Every structure is written in structure tokens, then in C-alpha cells.
Amino acid sequence: MILFFGTRPGKMEQRKLVGATCSYCKQTNTLNLIEQANFFHLFWIKLFKIHTNRFAECSHCKKAYLEKELPSEIIRT
């Protein structure tokens, strides 16, 4: 019997962080929060979420911020 299992990334979700200011270029309302979850799958069927990767990117200067680099008030929004 052959079992196909492993992990795969899910759909990438993006939302704008309103009121957030980029610390690099000092532009307001240019940060986008990007989230992508990794799922465990069996026979190409998603069973459960393992981990979620989050980061923010400035649409003006293209600077990327990892989740641990973001201020806590931005993460709560």
C-alpha cells in the first residue's frame, strides 16, 4: 500500500494595514500584511494547519518586515 503524505503551502492572503507607517521610508498606509499557512496533507487533501508564516511589505519602498520585527500594535490590527 502506498501513502502519499507531506506538507504544502496554502493560499496566500494579503490585507492592507490601515494607519501603519513604514519605519524605513516613513510612508503611511503602505504596509500590506501577507499570511500563508502550511498544511499537512494525505493524498493531496489538506487535513490540518501546521504553521502560518506572516510578514509585512511596504508597497512604496518594498521593504519586508518579518513577524517578529513588527510592532505589537500593528499585529493586533
N, C-alpha and C. Protein backbone atom coordinates (compact mmCIF):
# COMPACT_ATOMS: atom_id res chain seq x y z
N MET A 1 0.85 -1.18 0.00
CA MET A 1 0.00 0.00 0.00
C MET A 1 0.89 1.24 0.00
N ILE A 2 0.56 2.18 -0.85
CA ILE A 2 1.33 3.41 -0.98
C ILE A 2 0.53 4.56 -0.38
N LEU A 3 1.19 5.33 0.50
CA LEU A 3 0.57 6.52 1.09
C LEU A 3 1.30 7.75 0.60
N PHE A 4 0.56 8.72 0.12
CA PHE A 4 1.13 10.00 -0.26
C PHE A 4 0.79 11.01 0.82
N PHE A 5 1.82 11.51 1.51
CA PHE A 5 1.59 12.50 2.56
C PHE A 5 2.73 13.50 2.56
N GLY A 6 2.50 14.62 3.19
CA GLY A 6 3.53 15.65 3.28
C GLY A 6 2.92 16.99 3.67
N THR A 7 3.64 18.06 3.37
CA THR A 7 3.17 19.40 3.67
C THR A 7 3.13 20.22 2.39
N ARG A 8 2.20 21.17 2.37
CA ARG A 8 2.06 22.06 1.22
C ARG A 8 1.64 23.43 1.72
N PRO A 9 2.06 24.47 1.02
CA PRO A 9 1.58 25.80 1.39
C PRO A 9 0.15 26.00 0.92
N GLY A 10 -0.61 26.76 1.71
CA GLY A 10 -1.98 27.09 1.33
C GLY A 10 -2.01 28.38 0.52
N LYS A 11 -3.20 28.92 0.39
CA LYS A 11 -3.40 30.15 -0.37
C LYS A 11 -2.82 31.34 0.39
N MET A 12 -2.15 32.21 -0.34
CA MET A 12 -1.56 33.40 0.26
C MET A 12 -2.64 34.47 0.41
N GLU A 13 -2.79 35.00 1.63
CA GLU A 13 -3.78 36.03 1.90
C GLU A 13 -3.07 37.34 2.19
N GLN A 14 -3.62 38.42 1.66
CA GLN A 14 -2.98 39.72 1.80
C GLN A 14 -4.03 40.73 2.25
N ARG A 15 -3.65 41.59 3.23
CA ARG A 15 -4.54 42.67 3.64
C ARG A 15 -3.73 43.91 3.97
N LYS A 16 -4.35 45.05 3.75
CA LYS A 16 -3.69 46.33 3.96
C LYS A 16 -3.76 46.70 5.43
N LEU A 17 -2.65 47.19 5.99
CA LEU A 17 -2.60 47.64 7.37
C LEU A 17 -2.87 49.15 7.38
N VAL A 18 -4.09 49.51 7.71
CA VAL A 18 -4.50 50.92 7.69
C VAL A 18 -3.93 51.63 8.91
N GLY A 19 -3.33 52.78 8.68
CA GLY A 19 -2.77 53.59 9.76
C GLY A 19 -1.35 53.22 10.15
N ALA A 20 -0.79 52.20 9.55
CA ALA A 20 0.57 51.77 9.87
C ALA A 20 1.57 52.57 9.03
N THR A 21 2.70 52.88 9.64
CA THR A 21 3.74 53.66 8.97
C THR A 21 4.98 52.80 8.79
N CYS A 22 5.56 52.84 7.61
CA CYS A 22 6.80 52.12 7.33
C CYS A 22 7.94 52.83 8.05
N SER A 23 8.71 52.10 8.82
CA SER A 23 9.81 52.72 9.58
C SER A 23 11.00 53.04 8.69
N TYR A 24 11.03 52.51 7.49
CA TYR A 24 12.16 52.75 6.59
C TYR A 24 11.95 54.00 5.73
N CYS A 25 10.79 54.11 5.07
CA CYS A 25 10.54 55.25 4.17
C CYS A 25 9.58 56.27 4.77
N LYS A 26 9.01 55.98 5.96
CA LYS A 26 8.12 56.88 6.69
C LYS A 26 6.81 57.17 5.95
N GLN A 27 6.38 56.30 5.06
CA GLN A 27 5.11 56.46 4.36
C GLN A 27 4.01 55.79 5.17
N THR A 28 2.83 56.41 5.20
CA THR A 28 1.69 55.87 5.95
C THR A 28 0.77 55.13 4.99
N ASN A 29 0.12 54.09 5.50
CA ASN A 29 -0.86 53.27 4.76
C ASN A 29 -0.24 52.56 3.56
N THR A 30 1.01 52.17 3.64
CA THR A 30 1.64 51.44 2.54
C THR A 30 2.02 50.02 2.92
N LEU A 31 1.78 49.61 4.17
CA LEU A 31 2.15 48.26 4.61
C LEU A 31 1.03 47.27 4.31
N ASN A 32 1.41 46.12 3.76
CA ASN A 32 0.49 45.02 3.49
C ASN A 32 0.94 43.82 4.31
N LEU A 33 0.02 43.21 5.04
CA LEU A 33 0.30 42.01 5.82
C LEU A 33 0.01 40.80 4.94
N ILE A 34 0.97 39.91 4.82
CA ILE A 34 0.84 38.72 3.98
C ILE A 34 0.95 37.49 4.88
N GLU A 35 -0.04 36.60 4.77
CA GLU A 35 -0.09 35.38 5.56
C GLU A 35 -0.22 34.17 4.64
N GLN A 36 0.55 33.14 4.97
CA GLN A 36 0.44 31.89 4.21
C GLN A 36 0.59 30.73 5.18
N ALA A 37 -0.39 29.86 5.20
CA ALA A 37 -0.39 28.72 6.11
C ALA A 37 0.18 27.49 5.41
N ASN A 38 0.86 26.63 6.16
CA ASN A 38 1.33 25.34 5.67
C ASN A 38 0.42 24.27 6.25
N PHE A 39 0.01 23.34 5.40
CA PHE A 39 -0.91 22.29 5.80
C PHE A 39 -0.28 20.91 5.64
N PHE A 40 -0.67 20.00 6.53
CA PHE A 40 -0.34 18.59 6.37
C PHE A 40 -1.40 17.99 5.46
N HIS A 41 -0.99 17.20 4.50
CA HIS A 41 -1.96 16.60 3.59
C HIS A 41 -1.71 15.11 3.46
N LEU A 42 -2.77 14.41 3.14
CA LEU A 42 -2.76 12.98 2.88
C LEU A 42 -3.51 12.77 1.58
N PHE A 43 -2.84 12.18 0.60
CA PHE A 43 -3.41 12.01 -0.73
C PHE A 43 -3.92 13.35 -1.29
N TRP A 44 -3.14 14.39 -1.12
CA TRP A 44 -3.40 15.74 -1.64
C TRP A 44 -4.64 16.40 -1.06
N ILE A 45 -5.09 15.92 0.09
CA ILE A 45 -6.22 16.52 0.80
C ILE A 45 -5.68 17.17 2.06
N LYS A 46 -5.96 18.46 2.22
CA LYS A 46 -5.50 19.17 3.42
C LYS A 46 -6.21 18.62 4.64
N LEU A 47 -5.43 18.26 5.66
CA LEU A 47 -6.04 17.73 6.88
C LEU A 47 -6.02 18.74 8.01
N PHE A 48 -4.85 19.36 8.28
CA PHE A 48 -4.78 20.36 9.34
C PHE A 48 -3.63 21.32 9.09
N LYS A 49 -3.75 22.50 9.70
CA LYS A 49 -2.75 23.54 9.55
C LYS A 49 -1.58 23.27 10.50
N ILE A 50 -0.37 23.38 9.99
CA ILE A 50 0.83 23.16 10.78
C ILE A 50 1.40 24.48 11.29
N HIS A 51 1.55 25.44 10.40
CA HIS A 51 2.23 26.68 10.73
C HIS A 51 1.73 27.79 9.80
N THR A 52 1.77 29.02 10.28
CA THR A 52 1.41 30.17 9.46
C THR A 52 2.58 31.12 9.40
N ASN A 53 3.00 31.48 8.19
CA ASN A 53 4.06 32.46 8.00
C ASN A 53 3.43 33.82 7.77
N ARG A 54 3.91 34.83 8.51
CA ARG A 54 3.40 36.19 8.36
C ARG A 54 4.56 37.14 8.17
N PHE A 55 4.37 38.09 7.26
CA PHE A 55 5.32 39.19 7.11
C PHE A 55 4.59 40.36 6.49
N ALA A 56 5.18 41.54 6.64
CA ALA A 56 4.60 42.76 6.07
C ALA A 56 5.56 43.31 5.04
N GLU A 57 4.98 43.92 4.00
CA GLU A 57 5.80 44.51 2.95
C GLU A 57 5.26 45.90 2.64
N CYS A 58 6.16 46.86 2.50
CA CYS A 58 5.79 48.22 2.13
C CYS A 58 5.64 48.28 0.62
N SER A 59 4.50 48.79 0.16
CA SER A 59 4.26 48.87 -1.28
C SER A 59 5.01 50.04 -1.92
N HIS A 60 5.56 50.95 -1.10
CA HIS A 60 6.30 52.09 -1.62
C HIS A 60 7.78 51.75 -1.83
N CYS A 61 8.44 51.29 -0.76
CA CYS A 61 9.89 51.03 -0.84
C CYS A 61 10.22 49.55 -0.97
N LYS A 62 9.22 48.66 -0.86
CA LYS A 62 9.38 47.20 -0.97
C LYS A 62 10.18 46.58 0.18
N LYS A 63 10.30 47.28 1.30
CA LYS A 63 10.96 46.74 2.48
C LYS A 63 10.06 45.68 3.10
N ALA A 64 10.62 44.54 3.47
CA ALA A 64 9.86 43.45 4.08
C ALA A 64 10.20 43.38 5.57
N TYR A 65 9.19 43.14 6.37
CA TYR A 65 9.33 43.02 7.82
C TYR A 65 8.84 41.65 8.24
N LEU A 66 9.68 40.90 8.94
CA LEU A 66 9.25 39.62 9.50
C LEU A 66 8.29 39.87 10.64
N GLU A 67 7.55 38.85 11.04
CA GLU A 67 6.55 39.00 12.09
C GLU A 67 7.17 39.48 13.40
N LYS A 68 8.36 39.02 13.72
CA LYS A 68 8.98 39.43 14.98
C LYS A 68 9.53 40.86 14.93
N GLU A 69 9.65 41.45 13.75
CA GLU A 69 10.13 42.82 13.62
C GLU A 69 9.00 43.84 13.69
N LEU A 70 7.74 43.39 13.58
CA LEU A 70 6.62 44.30 13.57
C LEU A 70 6.24 44.73 14.99
N PRO A 71 5.86 46.00 15.16
CA PRO A 71 5.37 46.44 16.47
C PRO A 71 4.07 45.72 16.84
N SER A 72 3.82 45.54 18.11
CA SER A 72 2.65 44.78 18.56
C SER A 72 1.34 45.45 18.19
N GLU A 73 1.29 46.79 18.11
CA GLU A 73 0.04 47.45 17.74
C GLU A 73 -0.32 47.22 16.28
N ILE A 74 0.65 46.94 15.43
CA ILE A 74 0.37 46.62 14.03
C ILE A 74 -0.17 45.19 13.92
N ILE A 75 0.39 44.27 14.67
CA ILE A 75 -0.03 42.87 14.61
C ILE A 75 -1.48 42.72 15.09
N ARG A 76 -1.90 43.50 16.08
CA ARG A 76 -3.26 43.41 16.61
C ARG A 76 -4.32 43.88 15.64
N THR A 77 -3.96 44.69 14.62
CA THR A 77 -4.96 45.23 13.69
C THR A 77 -5.40 44.22 12.69
